[in-house]
Amino acid sequence: MFKREEPSPEILIPVCDGNEDELNFSSREKENFRSFRALKKSANGNTQTQSSKSKPLIRRVPIILRENDNFKKYFEPRVVAIGPLHHQNNRLRLTAKAKLKFAVLFCKEHEVSEQVLYKKIKDEIGYLKKCYKPKDIEVYEDDELAWMFFVDGCAVLHVIHRITTEKCIDHVKVDLLAFAQVDLFMLENQIPFRVLNLLISSISKGNDVRNSMYAFIDKKIKSTLAAGKSDSDQRQVVSEQNQEPTHLLGILRDRLLTKSKNKPTTNGKKEVIRNLLMSLGSKPQHSKTFRSVKEMKEAGIQVSPSETSSFRDVDFYVGLLGTLKIPRIVVDDSTGSKFMNLVAYEMCPDFGNDFGVTSYLCFLDSLIDTAEDVKELRHAGMLLNYMGSDEEVAHLFNSLTTDLVPDFSTYKDVTNDMRKYCNNPWATSIAKAYYTHFSTPWSILAFLGVLLGLIFTAIQTYYSTMTIFVLFPDEFFLLKLNDCPFCSLMINPKCNFHF
């Protein structure tokens, strides 16, 4: 028999009030606790401030993207450096004289003194420096940064205004100008929007320049997404924001994710029909997943353009067939750079956002697996391919989403409705019948031919019956046209078979 042990009395451990010496900690442990308490104090005092901060710093591309060798080309400017992050790149210094020339033309065109504009920038240099990580600009003096912002800002506004007003830019080759426009929307090639605002507010025709800047953004939107039926001018949406934009890339993202105020609302009757069709014949079973446009088509889901050119304007509804509505996309040589810099912007650690562009890119990749899917989208008018072959487009989207993590809740309702539709045997049967018998003009004509043949046969039979009744009303009740081939052929109305 083992003796039962009595529970030990409760041991009270004295709580340290912050004096590590009482617990005989080592110097390293004391340093760890000091760092811990400092961070704890900072978290208690600044939690609300940090969470409400929505304007991120202009910083370098997150390392997880930069480490991918396939992505490096999307983040390195080709012809021009804007701002401090690539200012010391020797390969891009050849365009420094061109930027200075454009700054001179900007001041000359708007009849404003360069000293006035420079002083505007210099007076705000304290704020402008806070738009970057201190480590990224520590090699620059304040006057050097101010001059850099002045020249780069004037050059950017001059080029944008010339492009939107379709005026010639002297001594600039077309290919260099095209590459420069791509460089303007790289994350590491941004300058604070405050710089552009200060310059615009200092010239007499500032509103014209501001409008041309937003028109330039809209032009970039059209080179990414084709215009929708209900698209309206989104410049007011951007300019009405209470907070000043971060930079041009930030405005581009806001515009791509802004839904039009004029988007039509869902019809109540259509919603009832949709719910009825979705529930008809549905039964619990393993969820069917969809991987591409081609597989969706086989399941009875067709793709059509949405009403606007917003990444958020993605919807699924059910009529005779299931229809997925997405914005029409334009693919060219700049598509990869635009998407990846927007993705890099969303991945910045101090930028609180819903990963709208990343989620859309991953959703688009789920629709495109092979060149056949690209071909289906092209034939449906959903994808304009200015890049090359369908294989190149498919490879582009498949490669862009490597290591990307979307917000799965963004399109959760859409994907759930699509799965419910695929799990509905009635809906898929109707779709298969449609694609089997009505998918081509020839199959439709064949169906109409058979239908017309049946109609003409019925009409002929009807008039044959009426003719016998009129000629021989007394004997008609004895006739059985379905039984006697002679009567039906009207060879002998008084058929001996019936008497």
Protein backbone atom coordinates (compact mmCIF):
# COMPACT_ATOMS: atom_id res chain seq x y z
CA MET A 1 0.00 0.00 0.00
CA PHE A 2 1.34 3.31 -1.06
CA LYS A 3 0.82 6.19 1.26
CA ARG A 4 -1.33 8.87 -0.29
CA GLU A 5 0.60 12.08 -0.66
CA GLU A 6 -0.98 15.21 0.69
CA PRO A 7 -1.21 18.12 -1.74
CA SER A 8 1.63 20.52 -1.30
CA PRO A 9 0.72 23.93 0.08
CA GLU A 10 0.24 26.69 -2.46
CA ILE A 11 3.50 28.37 -3.32
CA LEU A 12 3.31 32.11 -3.73
CA ILE A 13 5.69 33.60 -6.26
CA PRO A 14 6.42 37.27 -5.74
CA VAL A 15 5.62 39.41 -8.75
CA CYS A 16 8.52 41.47 -10.03
CA ASP A 17 7.68 45.15 -10.29
CA GLY A 18 10.27 45.74 -12.98
CA ASN A 19 13.45 45.44 -10.93
CA GLU A 20 15.26 42.50 -12.55
CA ASP A 21 18.02 42.60 -9.91
CA GLU A 22 15.62 41.04 -7.38
CA LEU A 23 15.44 37.88 -9.51
CA ASN A 24 19.14 37.74 -10.28
CA PHE A 25 18.73 38.01 -14.06
CA SER A 26 21.78 38.13 -16.26
CA SER A 27 22.61 41.25 -18.24
CA ARG A 28 21.29 39.67 -21.45
CA GLU A 29 18.00 38.77 -19.78
CA LYS A 30 17.68 42.28 -18.38
CA GLU A 31 18.16 43.71 -21.87
CA ASN A 32 15.49 41.38 -23.24
CA PHE A 33 13.01 42.54 -20.59
CA ARG A 34 13.79 46.20 -21.23
CA SER A 35 13.08 45.74 -24.94
CA PHE A 36 9.91 43.84 -24.11
CA ARG A 37 8.62 46.56 -21.76
CA ALA A 38 9.46 49.31 -24.25
CA LEU A 39 7.47 47.57 -26.98
CA LYS A 40 4.62 46.89 -24.56
CA LYS A 41 4.47 50.54 -23.58
CA SER A 42 4.53 51.62 -27.21
CA ALA A 43 1.74 49.18 -28.08
CA ASN A 44 -0.47 50.43 -25.24
CA GLY A 45 -0.06 54.06 -26.18
CA ASN A 46 -0.11 53.91 -29.96
CA THR A 47 -2.39 51.02 -30.91
CA GLN A 48 -5.17 53.29 -32.12
CA THR A 49 -2.78 55.60 -33.95
CA GLN A 50 -1.06 52.75 -35.79
CA SER A 51 -4.30 51.05 -36.76
CA SER A 52 -5.77 54.25 -38.15
CA LYS A 53 -2.71 55.05 -40.22
CA SER A 54 -3.65 54.18 -43.79
CA LYS A 55 -1.02 56.03 -45.81
CA PRO A 56 2.00 53.73 -46.24
CA LEU A 57 5.60 54.74 -46.76
CA ILE A 58 7.18 54.71 -50.19
CA ARG A 59 9.47 51.74 -49.83
CA ARG A 60 11.23 49.00 -51.70
CA VAL A 61 9.46 45.90 -52.99
CA PRO A 62 8.95 43.23 -50.29
CA ILE A 63 11.78 40.71 -50.25
CA ILE A 64 9.49 37.74 -50.94
CA LEU A 65 8.77 39.17 -54.39
CA ARG A 66 12.24 40.49 -55.11
CA GLU A 67 13.81 37.10 -54.40
CA ASN A 68 11.85 35.60 -57.30
CA ASP A 69 14.10 35.89 -60.35
CA ASN A 70 11.07 35.95 -62.68
CA PHE A 71 9.72 39.08 -60.97
CA LYS A 72 12.85 41.24 -60.87
CA LYS A 73 12.22 42.67 -64.33
CA TYR A 74 8.87 44.04 -63.18
CA PHE A 75 10.38 46.20 -60.42
CA GLU A 76 13.47 47.70 -62.08
CA PRO A 77 12.89 50.95 -64.05
CA ARG A 78 14.04 50.68 -67.65
CA VAL A 79 14.70 54.25 -68.71
CA VAL A 80 13.96 56.77 -65.95
CA ALA A 81 14.42 57.06 -62.18
CA ILE A 82 11.78 59.01 -60.26
CA GLY A 83 12.47 59.77 -56.61
CA PRO A 84 15.39 58.77 -54.37
CA LEU A 85 15.28 54.94 -54.43
CA HIS A 86 16.85 54.60 -57.91
CA HIS A 87 18.38 58.05 -58.18
CA GLN A 88 21.93 56.68 -57.91
CA ASN A 89 21.43 53.95 -60.50
CA ASN A 90 24.17 54.62 -63.06
CA ARG A 91 22.20 52.92 -65.82
CA LEU A 92 19.39 55.47 -65.45
CA ARG A 93 21.50 58.62 -65.17
CA LEU A 94 21.38 59.14 -68.94
CA THR A 95 17.81 60.42 -68.57
CA ALA A 96 18.74 62.95 -65.86
CA LYS A 97 19.34 65.66 -68.48
CA ALA A 98 16.01 64.88 -70.13
CA LYS A 99 14.21 65.30 -66.79
CA LEU A 100 15.91 68.64 -66.23
CA LYS A 101 14.88 69.77 -69.71
CA PHE A 102 11.25 68.80 -69.08
CA ALA A 103 11.33 70.71 -65.77
CA VAL A 104 12.56 73.81 -67.63
CA LEU A 105 9.77 73.43 -70.21
CA PHE A 106 7.20 73.04 -67.42
CA CYS A 107 8.26 76.31 -65.77
CA LYS A 108 8.42 78.08 -69.12
CA GLU A 109 5.03 76.85 -70.31
CA HIS A 110 3.27 77.90 -67.10
CA GLU A 111 5.29 81.12 -66.68
CA VAL A 112 6.37 80.39 -63.14
CA SER A 113 9.75 80.93 -61.52
CA GLU A 114 11.77 77.83 -60.71
CA GLN A 115 12.84 79.48 -57.44
CA VAL A 116 9.21 79.76 -56.35
CA LEU A 117 8.49 76.10 -57.08
CA TYR A 118 11.71 74.91 -55.45
CA LYS A 119 10.99 76.92 -52.29
CA LYS A 120 7.52 75.35 -52.10
CA ILE A 121 9.16 71.94 -52.06
CA LYS A 122 11.95 72.94 -49.69
CA ASP A 123 9.47 74.30 -47.13
CA GLU A 124 7.75 70.88 -47.01
CA ILE A 125 10.89 68.76 -47.01
CA GLY A 126 10.31 67.66 -43.40
CA TYR A 127 6.95 66.13 -44.31
CA LEU A 128 8.25 64.67 -47.58
CA LYS A 129 11.12 62.89 -45.83
CA LYS A 130 8.60 61.15 -43.57
CA CYS A 131 7.14 59.49 -46.67
CA TYR A 132 10.21 57.24 -46.89
CA LYS A 133 12.09 54.93 -44.56
CA PRO A 134 14.94 56.94 -43.01
CA LYS A 135 17.46 54.31 -44.09
CA ASP A 136 16.49 54.70 -47.77
CA ILE A 137 17.19 58.45 -47.86
CA GLU A 138 19.96 58.83 -45.29
CA VAL A 139 22.56 59.46 -48.02
CA TYR A 140 20.76 62.61 -49.23
CA GLU A 141 20.90 66.09 -47.73
CA ASP A 142 17.68 68.09 -47.45
CA ASP A 143 18.55 70.44 -50.29
CA GLU A 144 19.50 67.49 -52.50
CA LEU A 145 16.16 65.81 -51.84
CA ALA A 146 14.25 69.06 -52.41
CA TRP A 147 15.94 69.61 -55.77
CA MET A 148 15.29 65.99 -56.75
CA PHE A 149 11.58 66.31 -55.94
CA PHE A 150 11.37 69.63 -57.79
CA VAL A 151 12.95 68.33 -61.02
CA ASP A 152 11.21 64.95 -61.00
CA GLY A 153 7.81 66.44 -60.14
CA CYS A 154 7.96 69.08 -62.87
CA ALA A 155 9.16 66.52 -65.42
CA VAL A 156 6.38 64.06 -64.56
CA LEU A 157 3.64 66.71 -64.79
CA HIS A 158 5.02 68.07 -68.07
CA VAL A 159 5.15 64.64 -69.75
CA ILE A 160 1.70 63.63 -68.47
CA HIS A 161 0.13 66.89 -69.62
CA ARG A 162 1.72 66.55 -73.06
CA ILE A 163 0.54 62.96 -73.45
CA THR A 164 -3.07 63.63 -72.45
CA THR A 165 -3.34 66.75 -74.61
CA GLU A 166 -1.73 64.83 -77.50
CA LYS A 167 1.01 67.38 -77.91
CA CYS A 168 4.39 66.43 -79.29
CA ILE A 169 7.26 65.86 -76.87
CA ASP A 170 10.36 67.10 -78.67
CA HIS A 171 13.37 64.84 -79.16
CA VAL A 172 11.86 61.85 -77.34
CA LYS A 173 11.66 58.53 -79.16
CA VAL A 174 8.34 56.71 -79.06
CA ASP A 175 9.78 53.54 -77.51
CA LEU A 176 11.51 55.45 -74.70
CA LEU A 177 8.29 57.32 -73.97
CA ALA A 178 6.37 54.03 -73.76
CA PHE A 179 8.91 52.55 -71.34
CA ALA A 180 8.88 55.74 -69.27
CA GLN A 181 5.11 55.49 -68.81
CA VAL A 182 5.55 51.97 -67.44
CA ASP A 183 8.29 53.21 -65.10
CA LEU A 184 5.93 55.83 -63.65
CA PHE A 185 3.82 53.10 -62.05
CA MET A 186 6.57 51.13 -60.36
CA LEU A 187 6.47 51.00 -56.57
CA GLU A 188 10.11 52.00 -56.11
CA ASN A 189 9.76 54.81 -58.64
CA GLN A 190 7.16 56.88 -56.78
CA ILE A 191 7.35 60.36 -55.28
CA PRO A 192 4.87 61.68 -52.69
CA PHE A 193 1.66 63.01 -54.21
CA ARG A 194 2.20 66.08 -52.04
CA VAL A 195 5.05 67.07 -54.42
CA LEU A 196 2.70 67.07 -57.42
CA ASN A 197 0.04 68.88 -55.41
CA LEU A 198 2.45 71.65 -54.38
CA LEU A 199 3.57 72.20 -57.97
CA ILE A 200 0.02 72.17 -59.35
CA SER A 201 -1.23 74.64 -56.75
CA SER A 202 1.57 77.06 -57.67
CA ILE A 203 0.67 77.55 -61.35
CA SER A 204 -2.16 79.48 -62.94
CA LYS A 205 -3.53 76.56 -64.99
CA GLY A 206 -3.31 74.12 -62.14
CA ASN A 207 -6.78 72.68 -62.71
CA ASP A 208 -5.92 71.80 -66.31
CA VAL A 209 -2.77 70.00 -65.22
CA ARG A 210 -4.64 68.21 -62.43
CA ASN A 211 -7.35 67.07 -64.84
CA SER A 212 -4.73 65.85 -67.29
CA MET A 213 -3.12 63.83 -64.49
CA TYR A 214 -6.39 62.05 -63.70
CA ALA A 215 -7.06 61.61 -67.42
CA PHE A 216 -3.66 59.94 -67.67
CA ILE A 217 -4.67 57.56 -64.86
CA ASP A 218 -7.91 56.78 -66.72
CA LYS A 219 -5.88 56.05 -69.84
CA LYS A 220 -3.82 53.54 -67.88
CA ILE A 221 -7.06 51.97 -66.64
CA LYS A 222 -8.21 51.47 -70.23
CA SER A 223 -4.90 49.78 -71.04
CA THR A 224 -5.64 47.33 -68.21
CA LEU A 225 -9.42 46.89 -68.36
CA ALA A 226 -11.71 47.66 -71.27
CA ALA A 227 -14.46 50.16 -70.46
CA GLY A 228 -17.73 48.73 -69.16
CA LYS A 229 -21.24 49.69 -70.22
CA SER A 230 -21.98 51.73 -67.09
CA ASP A 231 -18.54 53.23 -66.54
CA SER A 232 -18.57 56.83 -65.41
CA ASP A 233 -15.74 59.28 -64.92
CA GLN A 234 -13.94 58.18 -61.76
CA ARG A 235 -11.79 61.29 -61.36
CA GLN A 236 -14.32 62.73 -58.95
CA VAL A 237 -14.18 59.54 -56.88
CA VAL A 238 -10.44 59.99 -56.42
CA SER A 239 -10.48 63.75 -55.91
CA GLU A 240 -13.34 63.61 -53.40
CA GLN A 241 -11.35 61.48 -50.97
CA ASN A 242 -10.78 63.18 -47.65
CA GLN A 243 -7.19 62.04 -47.50
CA GLU A 244 -4.54 63.04 -49.98
CA PRO A 245 -3.43 60.11 -52.17
CA THR A 246 -0.07 58.51 -51.47
CA HIS A 247 1.28 58.52 -55.02
CA LEU A 248 0.29 57.80 -58.63
CA LEU A 249 0.39 54.03 -58.13
CA GLY A 250 -1.98 54.42 -55.18
CA ILE A 251 -4.44 56.40 -57.32
CA LEU A 252 -4.28 53.69 -60.00
CA ARG A 253 -5.14 51.04 -57.42
CA ASP A 254 -8.01 53.08 -55.96
CA ARG A 255 -9.47 53.58 -59.42
CA LEU A 256 -9.19 49.89 -60.34
CA LEU A 257 -11.05 48.90 -57.17
CA THR A 258 -13.72 51.62 -57.23
CA LYS A 259 -17.21 50.49 -58.18
CA SER A 260 -19.27 52.83 -60.30
CA LYS A 261 -22.10 54.64 -58.54
CA ASN A 262 -24.24 54.05 -61.63
CA LYS A 263 -24.08 50.26 -61.50
CA PRO A 264 -27.59 48.82 -62.03
CA THR A 265 -29.19 47.15 -59.03
CA THR A 266 -30.35 43.55 -59.09
CA ASN A 267 -33.95 43.02 -60.24
CA GLY A 268 -36.10 41.44 -57.53
CA LYS A 269 -37.94 39.09 -59.91
CA LYS A 270 -34.67 37.90 -61.41
CA GLU A 271 -33.37 37.21 -57.91
CA VAL A 272 -36.43 35.04 -57.13
CA ILE A 273 -36.00 33.09 -60.36
CA ARG A 274 -32.31 32.68 -59.64
CA ASN A 275 -32.94 31.25 -56.16
CA LEU A 276 -35.61 28.91 -57.56
CA LEU A 277 -33.32 27.55 -60.24
CA MET A 278 -30.44 27.21 -57.82
CA SER A 279 -32.55 25.19 -55.37
CA LEU A 280 -34.39 23.07 -57.97
CA GLY A 281 -33.03 19.55 -57.93
CA SER A 282 -30.08 20.42 -55.72
CA LYS A 283 -29.01 17.81 -53.23
CA PRO A 284 -26.14 17.38 -50.79
CA GLN A 285 -23.07 15.97 -52.48
CA HIS A 286 -19.37 16.50 -52.77
CA SER A 287 -18.62 19.99 -54.02
CA LYS A 288 -17.53 20.18 -57.63
CA THR A 289 -14.63 22.49 -58.14
CA PHE A 290 -13.96 24.48 -61.28
CA ARG A 291 -10.47 25.16 -62.52
CA SER A 292 -10.75 26.94 -65.84
CA VAL A 293 -13.02 28.68 -68.30
CA LYS A 294 -13.19 25.55 -70.43
CA GLU A 295 -14.36 23.39 -67.52
CA MET A 296 -16.84 26.06 -66.48
CA LYS A 297 -18.30 26.04 -69.99
CA GLU A 298 -18.74 22.27 -69.82
CA ALA A 299 -20.63 22.78 -66.54
CA GLY A 300 -22.90 25.32 -68.19
CA ILE A 301 -21.28 28.54 -67.00
CA GLN A 302 -20.62 31.22 -69.58
CA VAL A 303 -18.56 34.38 -69.16
CA SER A 304 -19.79 37.86 -70.05
CA PRO A 305 -18.52 41.43 -69.47
CA SER A 306 -19.52 43.22 -66.29
CA GLU A 307 -21.11 46.65 -66.30
CA THR A 308 -18.00 48.51 -65.11
CA SER A 309 -14.23 48.21 -65.30
CA SER A 310 -13.71 47.63 -61.58
CA PHE A 311 -11.94 44.58 -60.17
CA ARG A 312 -14.71 44.37 -57.57
CA ASP A 313 -17.46 44.14 -60.19
CA VAL A 314 -17.50 40.33 -60.36
CA ASP A 315 -20.87 38.60 -60.12
CA PHE A 316 -22.58 35.30 -60.89
CA TYR A 317 -26.24 34.88 -61.77
CA VAL A 318 -28.45 32.13 -63.15
CA GLY A 319 -30.80 32.33 -66.12
CA LEU A 320 -31.12 29.55 -68.69
CA LEU A 321 -27.39 29.15 -68.11
CA GLY A 322 -25.07 30.26 -65.35
CA THR A 323 -23.28 33.51 -66.18
CA LEU A 324 -20.08 34.81 -64.61
CA LYS A 325 -19.67 38.55 -65.15
CA ILE A 326 -16.13 39.95 -64.93
CA PRO A 327 -14.45 43.07 -66.34
CA ARG A 328 -12.92 42.72 -69.79
CA ILE A 329 -9.15 42.67 -69.48
CA VAL A 330 -6.51 44.05 -71.83
CA VAL A 331 -3.21 42.16 -71.97
CA ASP A 332 -0.04 43.72 -73.38
CA ASP A 333 3.66 43.89 -72.57
CA SER A 334 3.04 46.20 -69.59
CA THR A 335 0.43 43.99 -67.90
CA GLY A 336 2.92 42.03 -65.80
CA SER A 337 4.64 45.16 -64.50
CA LYS A 338 1.38 46.92 -63.59
CA PHE A 339 -0.10 43.95 -61.77
CA MET A 340 3.05 43.03 -59.86
CA ASN A 341 3.76 46.58 -58.67
CA LEU A 342 0.17 46.88 -57.46
CA VAL A 343 0.58 43.55 -55.68
CA ALA A 344 3.88 44.71 -54.14
CA TYR A 345 2.16 47.90 -52.97
CA GLU A 346 -0.56 45.85 -51.25
CA MET A 347 2.11 43.72 -49.55
CA CYS A 348 3.81 46.71 -47.90
CA PRO A 349 3.79 46.00 -44.14
CA ASP A 350 2.40 49.43 -43.18
CA PHE A 351 -0.41 49.44 -45.76
CA GLY A 352 -3.67 48.18 -44.28
CA ASN A 353 -5.79 46.95 -47.20
CA ASP A 354 -7.98 44.09 -48.38
CA PHE A 355 -5.60 42.81 -51.10
CA GLY A 356 -8.12 43.69 -53.78
CA VAL A 357 -5.72 43.53 -56.74
CA THR A 358 -3.99 40.39 -55.44
CA SER A 359 -7.35 38.64 -54.98
CA TYR A 360 -8.53 39.59 -58.46
CA LEU A 361 -5.28 38.41 -60.04
CA CYS A 362 -5.54 35.04 -58.26
CA PHE A 363 -9.21 34.74 -59.26
CA LEU A 364 -8.28 35.46 -62.88
CA ASP A 365 -5.53 32.86 -62.70
CA SER A 366 -8.07 30.28 -61.52
CA LEU A 367 -9.97 30.85 -64.77
CA ILE A 368 -6.89 30.56 -67.00
CA ASP A 369 -4.95 27.30 -67.00
CA THR A 370 -4.05 26.78 -70.64
CA ALA A 371 -4.12 28.53 -73.99
CA GLU A 372 -7.58 27.01 -74.58
CA ASP A 373 -8.96 29.10 -71.72
CA VAL A 374 -7.42 32.25 -73.18
CA LYS A 375 -8.97 31.35 -76.53
CA GLU A 376 -12.41 30.95 -74.95
CA LEU A 377 -12.09 34.36 -73.27
CA ARG A 378 -10.99 35.97 -76.54
CA HIS A 379 -13.91 34.49 -78.45
CA ALA A 380 -16.28 35.73 -75.75
CA GLY A 381 -14.81 39.24 -76.10
CA MET A 382 -13.56 39.14 -72.52
CA LEU A 383 -9.83 39.36 -73.21
CA LEU A 384 -8.02 41.59 -75.68
CA ASN A 385 -4.63 40.07 -76.45
CA TYR A 386 -2.01 42.59 -77.59
CA MET A 387 0.83 40.58 -76.10
CA GLY A 388 1.36 37.61 -78.40
CA SER A 389 0.13 34.04 -78.52
CA ASP A 390 -2.50 32.56 -76.23
CA GLU A 391 0.21 30.36 -74.70
CA GLU A 392 2.16 33.46 -73.64
CA VAL A 393 -0.89 34.98 -71.96
CA ALA A 394 -1.67 31.76 -70.09
CA HIS A 395 1.94 31.47 -68.94
CA LEU A 396 1.92 35.10 -67.79
CA PHE A 397 -1.05 34.73 -65.45
CA ASN A 398 0.09 31.32 -64.20
CA SER A 399 3.50 32.73 -63.27
CA LEU A 400 2.32 36.02 -61.72
CA THR A 401 0.42 34.33 -58.89
CA THR A 402 3.42 32.39 -57.56
CA ASP A 403 3.73 32.96 -53.78
CA LEU A 404 0.66 35.24 -53.72
CA VAL A 405 -1.95 34.85 -50.98
CA PRO A 406 -5.37 36.37 -51.81
CA ASP A 407 -8.19 37.35 -49.49
CA PHE A 408 -10.50 34.38 -50.09
CA SER A 409 -13.51 36.25 -48.72
CA THR A 410 -13.40 38.76 -51.60
CA TYR A 411 -15.11 36.47 -54.12
CA LYS A 412 -16.52 33.94 -51.63
CA ASP A 413 -20.16 34.58 -52.56
CA VAL A 414 -19.40 34.27 -56.26
CA THR A 415 -17.48 31.01 -55.94
CA ASN A 416 -20.08 29.53 -53.58
CA ASP A 417 -22.89 30.30 -56.05
CA MET A 418 -20.87 28.74 -58.85
CA ARG A 419 -20.34 25.56 -56.82
CA LYS A 420 -24.06 25.37 -55.99
CA TYR A 421 -24.82 25.70 -59.67
CA CYS A 422 -22.35 22.96 -60.59
CA ASN A 423 -23.91 20.69 -57.94
CA ASN A 424 -27.39 21.17 -59.43
CA PRO A 425 -28.14 18.28 -61.86
CA TRP A 426 -31.03 20.13 -63.50
CA ALA A 427 -28.94 23.16 -64.30
CA THR A 428 -26.01 21.17 -65.65
CA SER A 429 -28.32 18.95 -67.74
CA ILE A 430 -29.93 21.98 -69.37
CA ALA A 431 -26.50 23.42 -70.03
CA LYS A 432 -25.21 20.20 -71.60
CA ALA A 433 -28.29 19.99 -73.81
CA TYR A 434 -27.76 23.58 -74.87
CA TYR A 435 -24.10 23.11 -75.73
CA THR A 436 -24.83 19.81 -77.48
CA HIS A 437 -27.71 20.99 -79.68
CA PHE A 438 -27.52 24.78 -79.77
CA SER A 439 -23.87 25.72 -79.44
CA THR A 440 -23.38 26.38 -83.17
CA PRO A 441 -25.52 28.08 -85.84
CA TRP A 442 -25.70 24.79 -87.80
CA SER A 443 -27.13 22.85 -84.86
CA ILE A 444 -29.72 25.60 -84.31
CA LEU A 445 -30.70 25.50 -88.00
CA ALA A 446 -30.99 21.70 -87.85
CA PHE A 447 -33.27 21.95 -84.82
CA LEU A 448 -35.43 24.57 -86.51
CA GLY A 449 -35.67 22.35 -89.60
CA VAL A 450 -36.91 19.39 -87.57
CA LEU A 451 -39.33 21.62 -85.66
CA LEU A 452 -40.76 23.10 -88.86
CA GLY A 453 -41.14 19.59 -90.31
CA LEU A 454 -43.19 18.51 -87.30
CA ILE A 455 -45.34 21.64 -87.52
CA PHE A 456 -46.05 21.13 -91.25
CA THR A 457 -46.90 17.45 -90.65
CA ALA A 458 -49.36 18.41 -87.92
CA ILE A 459 -50.98 21.04 -90.17
CA GLN A 460 -51.27 18.57 -93.06
CA THR A 461 -52.90 15.96 -90.82
CA TYR A 462 -55.35 18.53 -89.46
CA TYR A 463 -56.52 19.70 -92.89
CA SER A 464 -56.79 16.11 -94.12
CA THR A 465 -59.15 15.32 -91.27
CA MET A 466 -61.27 18.42 -91.89
CA THR A 467 -61.57 17.60 -95.62
CA ILE A 468 -63.02 14.14 -94.93
CA PHE A 469 -65.48 15.62 -92.43
CA VAL A 470 -66.74 18.18 -94.94
CA LEU A 471 -67.15 15.70 -97.85
CA PHE A 472 -68.74 12.87 -95.89
CA PRO A 473 -70.26 14.21 -92.68
CA ASP A 474 -72.65 11.25 -92.22
CA GLU A 475 -69.99 8.60 -92.45
CA PHE A 476 -67.18 10.52 -90.69
CA PHE A 477 -67.99 9.10 -87.30
CA LEU A 478 -67.17 5.63 -88.68
CA LEU A 479 -63.70 6.61 -89.88
CA LYS A 480 -60.66 5.85 -87.84
CA LEU A 481 -57.92 7.65 -89.63
CA ASN A 482 -55.25 6.37 -87.29
CA ASP A 483 -56.18 2.76 -88.13
CA CYS A 484 -56.72 2.85 -91.87
CA PRO A 485 -53.89 3.91 -94.20
CA PHE A 486 -56.30 4.25 -97.13
CA CYS A 487 -58.46 6.77 -95.31
CA SER A 488 -55.49 8.79 -94.17
CA LEU A 489 -54.21 8.87 -97.74
CA MET A 490 -57.71 9.86 -98.94
CA ILE A 491 -57.58 7.34 -101.79
CA ASN A 492 -61.13 6.22 -101.03
CA PRO A 493 -63.03 8.19 -98.35
CA LYS A 494 -65.73 5.45 -98.14
CA CYS A 495 -63.29 2.82 -97.13
CA ASN A 496 -64.74 -0.73 -97.01
CA PHE A 497 -62.51 -1.39 -94.04
CA HIS A 498 -64.83 0.75 -91.88
CA PHE A 499 -68.23 -0.62 -93.05
